[in-house]
Amino acid sequence: MNALFCLLITLLDIYWWILFIYIIFGWLVNFGVINLHNQFVRMVYHAAAALSEPVLAPLRRLIPIVGGLDLSPIVPLLLIPILQIFLQYDIAPLFDVVVRCG
């Protein structure tokens, strides 16, 4: 059971980094620092977008764009660590599991 909780926490951590990469790449593309003509940049950006959009699209309907700034990624970036802590310290003890990952 410990392995299952560690896997969930690790997957959430990976998803947090995917969202972070998507945000940073979006800024870099919009400010002209990098462009999507580079095949590697395009591949990473589209992969991160494909993985991020299922979570961000519903949030974009709820959170308006303020001054041209999309604030919807802030919600999952803040909720993922909270969910990880909740899993580790509140849910795992219900199953008599002490989660020690890493």
N, C-alpha and C. Protein backbone atom coordinates (compact mmCIF):
# COMPACT_ATOMS: atom_id res chain seq x y z
N MET A 1 0.82 -1.19 0.00
CA MET A 1 0.00 0.00 0.00
C MET A 1 0.87 1.26 0.00
N ASN A 2 2.03 1.18 0.66
CA ASN A 2 2.94 2.31 0.67
C ASN A 2 3.39 2.65 -0.75
N ALA A 3 3.61 1.61 -1.56
CA ALA A 3 4.04 1.83 -2.94
C ALA A 3 2.96 2.56 -3.74
N LEU A 4 1.71 2.25 -3.48
CA LEU A 4 0.61 2.92 -4.18
C LEU A 4 0.56 4.41 -3.84
N PHE A 5 0.70 4.74 -2.57
CA PHE A 5 0.70 6.14 -2.18
C PHE A 5 1.91 6.87 -2.73
N CYS A 6 3.07 6.21 -2.72
CA CYS A 6 4.27 6.82 -3.30
C CYS A 6 4.09 7.04 -4.79
N LEU A 7 3.47 6.11 -5.47
CA LEU A 7 3.22 6.25 -6.90
C LEU A 7 2.28 7.44 -7.16
N LEU A 8 1.21 7.55 -6.41
CA LEU A 8 0.28 8.68 -6.58
C LEU A 8 0.96 10.02 -6.31
N ILE A 9 1.75 10.08 -5.26
CA ILE A 9 2.45 11.32 -4.93
C ILE A 9 3.47 11.66 -6.02
N THR A 10 4.16 10.66 -6.53
CA THR A 10 5.14 10.89 -7.60
C THR A 10 4.46 11.32 -8.89
N LEU A 11 3.34 10.70 -9.24
CA LEU A 11 2.61 11.10 -10.44
C LEU A 11 2.10 12.53 -10.34
N LEU A 12 1.64 12.92 -9.17
CA LEU A 12 1.22 14.30 -8.96
C LEU A 12 2.40 15.25 -9.09
N ASP A 13 3.54 14.83 -8.60
CA ASP A 13 4.75 15.65 -8.71
C ASP A 13 5.16 15.81 -10.18
N ILE A 14 5.11 14.75 -10.95
CA ILE A 14 5.43 14.81 -12.38
C ILE A 14 4.46 15.73 -13.10
N TYR A 15 3.17 15.61 -12.76
CA TYR A 15 2.18 16.46 -13.41
C TYR A 15 2.40 17.93 -13.06
N TRP A 16 2.82 18.21 -11.82
CA TRP A 16 3.13 19.58 -11.43
C TRP A 16 4.24 20.13 -12.33
N TRP A 17 5.27 19.33 -12.57
CA TRP A 17 6.38 19.78 -13.44
C TRP A 17 5.93 19.95 -14.88
N ILE A 18 5.03 19.10 -15.36
CA ILE A 18 4.51 19.26 -16.72
C ILE A 18 3.76 20.59 -16.84
N LEU A 19 2.93 20.90 -15.87
CA LEU A 19 2.24 22.19 -15.87
C LEU A 19 3.22 23.35 -15.83
N PHE A 20 4.24 23.25 -15.00
CA PHE A 20 5.25 24.29 -14.88
C PHE A 20 5.98 24.50 -16.21
N ILE A 21 6.37 23.41 -16.86
CA ILE A 21 7.05 23.50 -18.16
C ILE A 21 6.13 24.13 -19.19
N TYR A 22 4.86 23.75 -19.19
CA TYR A 22 3.89 24.33 -20.12
C TYR A 22 3.78 25.84 -19.93
N ILE A 23 3.72 26.27 -18.70
CA ILE A 23 3.61 27.71 -18.41
C ILE A 23 4.86 28.44 -18.87
N ILE A 24 6.02 27.93 -18.51
CA ILE A 24 7.28 28.59 -18.88
C ILE A 24 7.45 28.63 -20.39
N PHE A 25 7.19 27.51 -21.07
CA PHE A 25 7.30 27.49 -22.52
C PHE A 25 6.31 28.46 -23.15
N GLY A 26 5.11 28.55 -22.59
CA GLY A 26 4.12 29.49 -23.11
C GLY A 26 4.62 30.92 -23.02
N TRP A 27 5.20 31.28 -21.88
CA TRP A 27 5.76 32.62 -21.73
C TRP A 27 6.89 32.86 -22.72
N LEU A 28 7.81 31.89 -22.82
CA LEU A 28 8.96 32.06 -23.71
C LEU A 28 8.54 32.19 -25.17
N VAL A 29 7.53 31.45 -25.57
CA VAL A 29 7.02 31.55 -26.94
C VAL A 29 6.34 32.90 -27.15
N ASN A 30 5.50 33.32 -26.20
CA ASN A 30 4.79 34.59 -26.34
C ASN A 30 5.70 35.80 -26.33
N PHE A 31 6.81 35.73 -25.59
CA PHE A 31 7.74 36.85 -25.55
C PHE A 31 8.81 36.77 -26.64
N GLY A 32 8.74 35.75 -27.48
CA GLY A 32 9.65 35.64 -28.61
C GLY A 32 11.05 35.16 -28.26
N VAL A 33 11.23 34.61 -27.07
CA VAL A 33 12.54 34.10 -26.68
C VAL A 33 12.85 32.80 -27.44
N ILE A 34 11.85 31.94 -27.54
CA ILE A 34 11.96 30.72 -28.35
C ILE A 34 10.79 30.71 -29.32
N ASN A 35 10.94 29.95 -30.39
CA ASN A 35 9.82 29.87 -31.33
C ASN A 35 9.48 28.41 -31.60
N LEU A 36 8.29 28.21 -32.12
CA LEU A 36 7.80 26.86 -32.36
C LEU A 36 8.29 26.29 -33.68
N HIS A 37 9.18 27.00 -34.37
CA HIS A 37 9.75 26.46 -35.60
C HIS A 37 10.81 25.40 -35.29
N ASN A 38 11.38 25.46 -34.09
CA ASN A 38 12.32 24.44 -33.64
C ASN A 38 11.53 23.18 -33.32
N GLN A 39 11.93 22.06 -33.89
CA GLN A 39 11.17 20.82 -33.74
C GLN A 39 11.12 20.35 -32.29
N PHE A 40 12.22 20.45 -31.56
CA PHE A 40 12.24 20.00 -30.17
C PHE A 40 11.32 20.87 -29.31
N VAL A 41 11.41 22.17 -29.49
CA VAL A 41 10.56 23.09 -28.73
C VAL A 41 9.09 22.82 -29.02
N ARG A 42 8.77 22.65 -30.29
CA ARG A 42 7.38 22.37 -30.68
C ARG A 42 6.90 21.06 -30.07
N MET A 43 7.75 20.03 -30.07
CA MET A 43 7.38 18.73 -29.54
C MET A 43 7.12 18.81 -28.03
N VAL A 44 8.02 19.47 -27.29
CA VAL A 44 7.85 19.59 -25.84
C VAL A 44 6.62 20.42 -25.51
N TYR A 45 6.45 21.53 -26.22
CA TYR A 45 5.32 22.42 -25.96
C TYR A 45 3.98 21.71 -26.22
N HIS A 46 3.89 21.02 -27.35
CA HIS A 46 2.63 20.35 -27.67
C HIS A 46 2.36 19.16 -26.74
N ALA A 47 3.40 18.46 -26.32
CA ALA A 47 3.21 17.36 -25.37
C ALA A 47 2.72 17.90 -24.03
N ALA A 48 3.35 18.98 -23.56
CA ALA A 48 2.93 19.57 -22.29
C ALA A 48 1.52 20.15 -22.40
N ALA A 49 1.20 20.74 -23.55
CA ALA A 49 -0.15 21.29 -23.76
C ALA A 49 -1.19 20.17 -23.77
N ALA A 50 -0.88 19.07 -24.43
CA ALA A 50 -1.83 17.96 -24.50
C ALA A 50 -2.10 17.37 -23.13
N LEU A 51 -1.08 17.35 -22.27
CA LEU A 51 -1.27 16.81 -20.93
C LEU A 51 -1.88 17.82 -19.97
N SER A 52 -1.70 19.10 -20.22
CA SER A 52 -2.19 20.15 -19.32
C SER A 52 -3.61 20.60 -19.62
N GLU A 53 -3.98 20.62 -20.87
CA GLU A 53 -5.27 21.18 -21.25
C GLU A 53 -6.49 20.49 -20.64
N PRO A 54 -6.49 19.17 -20.42
CA PRO A 54 -7.67 18.57 -19.78
C PRO A 54 -7.98 19.15 -18.40
N VAL A 55 -6.96 19.61 -17.70
CA VAL A 55 -7.17 20.22 -16.39
C VAL A 55 -7.41 21.72 -16.53
N LEU A 56 -6.69 22.37 -17.43
CA LEU A 56 -6.75 23.83 -17.53
C LEU A 56 -7.99 24.33 -18.27
N ALA A 57 -8.49 23.59 -19.24
CA ALA A 57 -9.65 24.06 -20.02
C ALA A 57 -10.88 24.33 -19.16
N PRO A 58 -11.27 23.43 -18.25
CA PRO A 58 -12.43 23.75 -17.40
C PRO A 58 -12.16 24.93 -16.46
N LEU A 59 -10.92 25.06 -16.02
CA LEU A 59 -10.59 26.18 -15.13
C LEU A 59 -10.64 27.51 -15.87
N ARG A 60 -10.31 27.50 -17.15
CA ARG A 60 -10.35 28.74 -17.93
C ARG A 60 -11.77 29.26 -18.09
N ARG A 61 -12.75 28.36 -18.03
CA ARG A 61 -14.15 28.80 -18.10
C ARG A 61 -14.57 29.48 -16.79
N LEU A 62 -13.93 29.10 -15.69
CA LEU A 62 -14.29 29.66 -14.38
C LEU A 62 -13.47 30.89 -14.01
N ILE A 63 -12.20 30.91 -14.40
CA ILE A 63 -11.30 32.00 -14.01
C ILE A 63 -11.07 32.90 -15.22
N PRO A 64 -11.47 34.15 -15.14
CA PRO A 64 -11.30 35.04 -16.29
C PRO A 64 -9.83 35.42 -16.49
N ILE A 65 -9.51 35.78 -17.72
CA ILE A 65 -8.17 36.27 -18.04
C ILE A 65 -8.10 37.73 -17.58
N VAL A 66 -7.11 38.03 -16.78
CA VAL A 66 -6.97 39.36 -16.18
C VAL A 66 -5.80 40.08 -16.86
N GLY A 67 -6.11 41.13 -17.58
CA GLY A 67 -5.07 41.93 -18.22
C GLY A 67 -4.21 41.13 -19.19
N GLY A 68 -4.82 40.18 -19.88
CA GLY A 68 -4.08 39.35 -20.82
C GLY A 68 -3.29 38.22 -20.16
N LEU A 69 -3.44 38.05 -18.86
CA LEU A 69 -2.72 37.03 -18.12
C LEU A 69 -3.67 35.90 -17.73
N ASP A 70 -3.32 34.69 -18.13
CA ASP A 70 -4.12 33.52 -17.82
C ASP A 70 -3.73 33.01 -16.43
N LEU A 71 -4.64 33.14 -15.48
CA LEU A 71 -4.36 32.74 -14.10
C LEU A 71 -4.80 31.31 -13.78
N SER A 72 -5.38 30.61 -14.74
CA SER A 72 -5.90 29.27 -14.47
C SER A 72 -4.82 28.27 -14.06
N PRO A 73 -3.58 28.33 -14.54
CA PRO A 73 -2.58 27.35 -14.09
C PRO A 73 -2.19 27.49 -12.63
N ILE A 74 -2.48 28.64 -12.03
CA ILE A 74 -2.12 28.82 -10.62
C ILE A 74 -2.89 27.85 -9.73
N VAL A 75 -4.14 27.57 -10.09
CA VAL A 75 -4.98 26.70 -9.26
C VAL A 75 -4.39 25.30 -9.14
N PRO A 76 -4.10 24.59 -10.25
CA PRO A 76 -3.52 23.26 -10.06
C PRO A 76 -2.10 23.30 -9.49
N LEU A 77 -1.34 24.35 -9.77
CA LEU A 77 0.00 24.44 -9.20
C LEU A 77 -0.04 24.57 -7.68
N LEU A 78 -1.09 25.17 -7.15
CA LEU A 78 -1.25 25.27 -5.71
C LEU A 78 -1.95 24.04 -5.11
N LEU A 79 -2.88 23.46 -5.86
CA LEU A 79 -3.66 22.33 -5.34
C LEU A 79 -2.88 21.01 -5.32
N ILE A 80 -1.97 20.84 -6.26
CA ILE A 80 -1.24 19.57 -6.32
C ILE A 80 -0.41 19.33 -5.05
N PRO A 81 0.39 20.30 -4.58
CA PRO A 81 1.10 20.05 -3.31
C PRO A 81 0.16 19.85 -2.12
N ILE A 82 -0.96 20.55 -2.11
CA ILE A 82 -1.93 20.37 -1.04
C ILE A 82 -2.50 18.96 -1.09
N LEU A 83 -2.81 18.47 -2.28
CA LEU A 83 -3.31 17.11 -2.44
C LEU A 83 -2.27 16.08 -2.03
N GLN A 84 -1.00 16.33 -2.35
CA GLN A 84 0.06 15.42 -1.95
C GLN A 84 0.16 15.33 -0.42
N ILE A 85 0.09 16.47 0.24
CA ILE A 85 0.15 16.49 1.70
C ILE A 85 -1.07 15.79 2.28
N PHE A 86 -2.22 16.04 1.70
CA PHE A 86 -3.47 15.40 2.14
C PHE A 86 -3.36 13.88 2.00
N LEU A 87 -2.84 13.41 0.88
CA LEU A 87 -2.67 11.97 0.69
C LEU A 87 -1.71 11.38 1.71
N GLN A 88 -0.61 12.07 1.92
CA GLN A 88 0.43 11.53 2.78
C GLN A 88 0.06 11.54 4.26
N TYR A 89 -0.58 12.61 4.72
CA TYR A 89 -0.80 12.75 6.15
C TYR A 89 -2.23 12.50 6.61
N ASP A 90 -3.19 12.50 5.70
CA ASP A 90 -4.58 12.30 6.10
C ASP A 90 -5.19 11.01 5.55
N ILE A 91 -4.90 10.69 4.30
CA ILE A 91 -5.50 9.49 3.70
C ILE A 91 -4.70 8.24 4.04
N ALA A 92 -3.38 8.30 3.90
CA ALA A 92 -2.55 7.12 4.16
C ALA A 92 -2.71 6.57 5.58
N PRO A 93 -2.78 7.42 6.61
CA PRO A 93 -2.97 6.85 7.96
C PRO A 93 -4.29 6.10 8.14
N LEU A 94 -5.29 6.40 7.32
CA LEU A 94 -6.54 5.64 7.39
C LEU A 94 -6.32 4.19 7.02
N PHE A 95 -5.29 3.91 6.22
CA PHE A 95 -4.96 2.55 5.81
C PHE A 95 -3.77 2.01 6.61
N ASP A 96 -3.44 2.66 7.71
CA ASP A 96 -2.29 2.29 8.55
C ASP A 96 -1.00 2.23 7.74
N VAL A 97 -0.80 3.21 6.89
CA VAL A 97 0.40 3.28 6.06
C VAL A 97 1.15 4.55 6.42
N VAL A 98 2.44 4.40 6.62
CA VAL A 98 3.32 5.55 6.80
C VAL A 98 4.06 5.73 5.48
N VAL A 99 3.77 6.81 4.79
CA VAL A 99 4.34 7.03 3.46
C VAL A 99 5.72 7.63 3.59
N ARG A 100 6.70 6.90 3.08
CA ARG A 100 8.08 7.38 3.03
C ARG A 100 8.58 7.17 1.60
N CYS A 101 8.41 8.19 0.81
CA CYS A 101 8.82 8.11 -0.59
C CYS A 101 10.20 8.74 -0.76
N GLY A 102 10.92 8.23 -1.72
CA GLY A 102 12.19 8.84 -2.09
C GLY A 102 13.28 8.38 -1.25
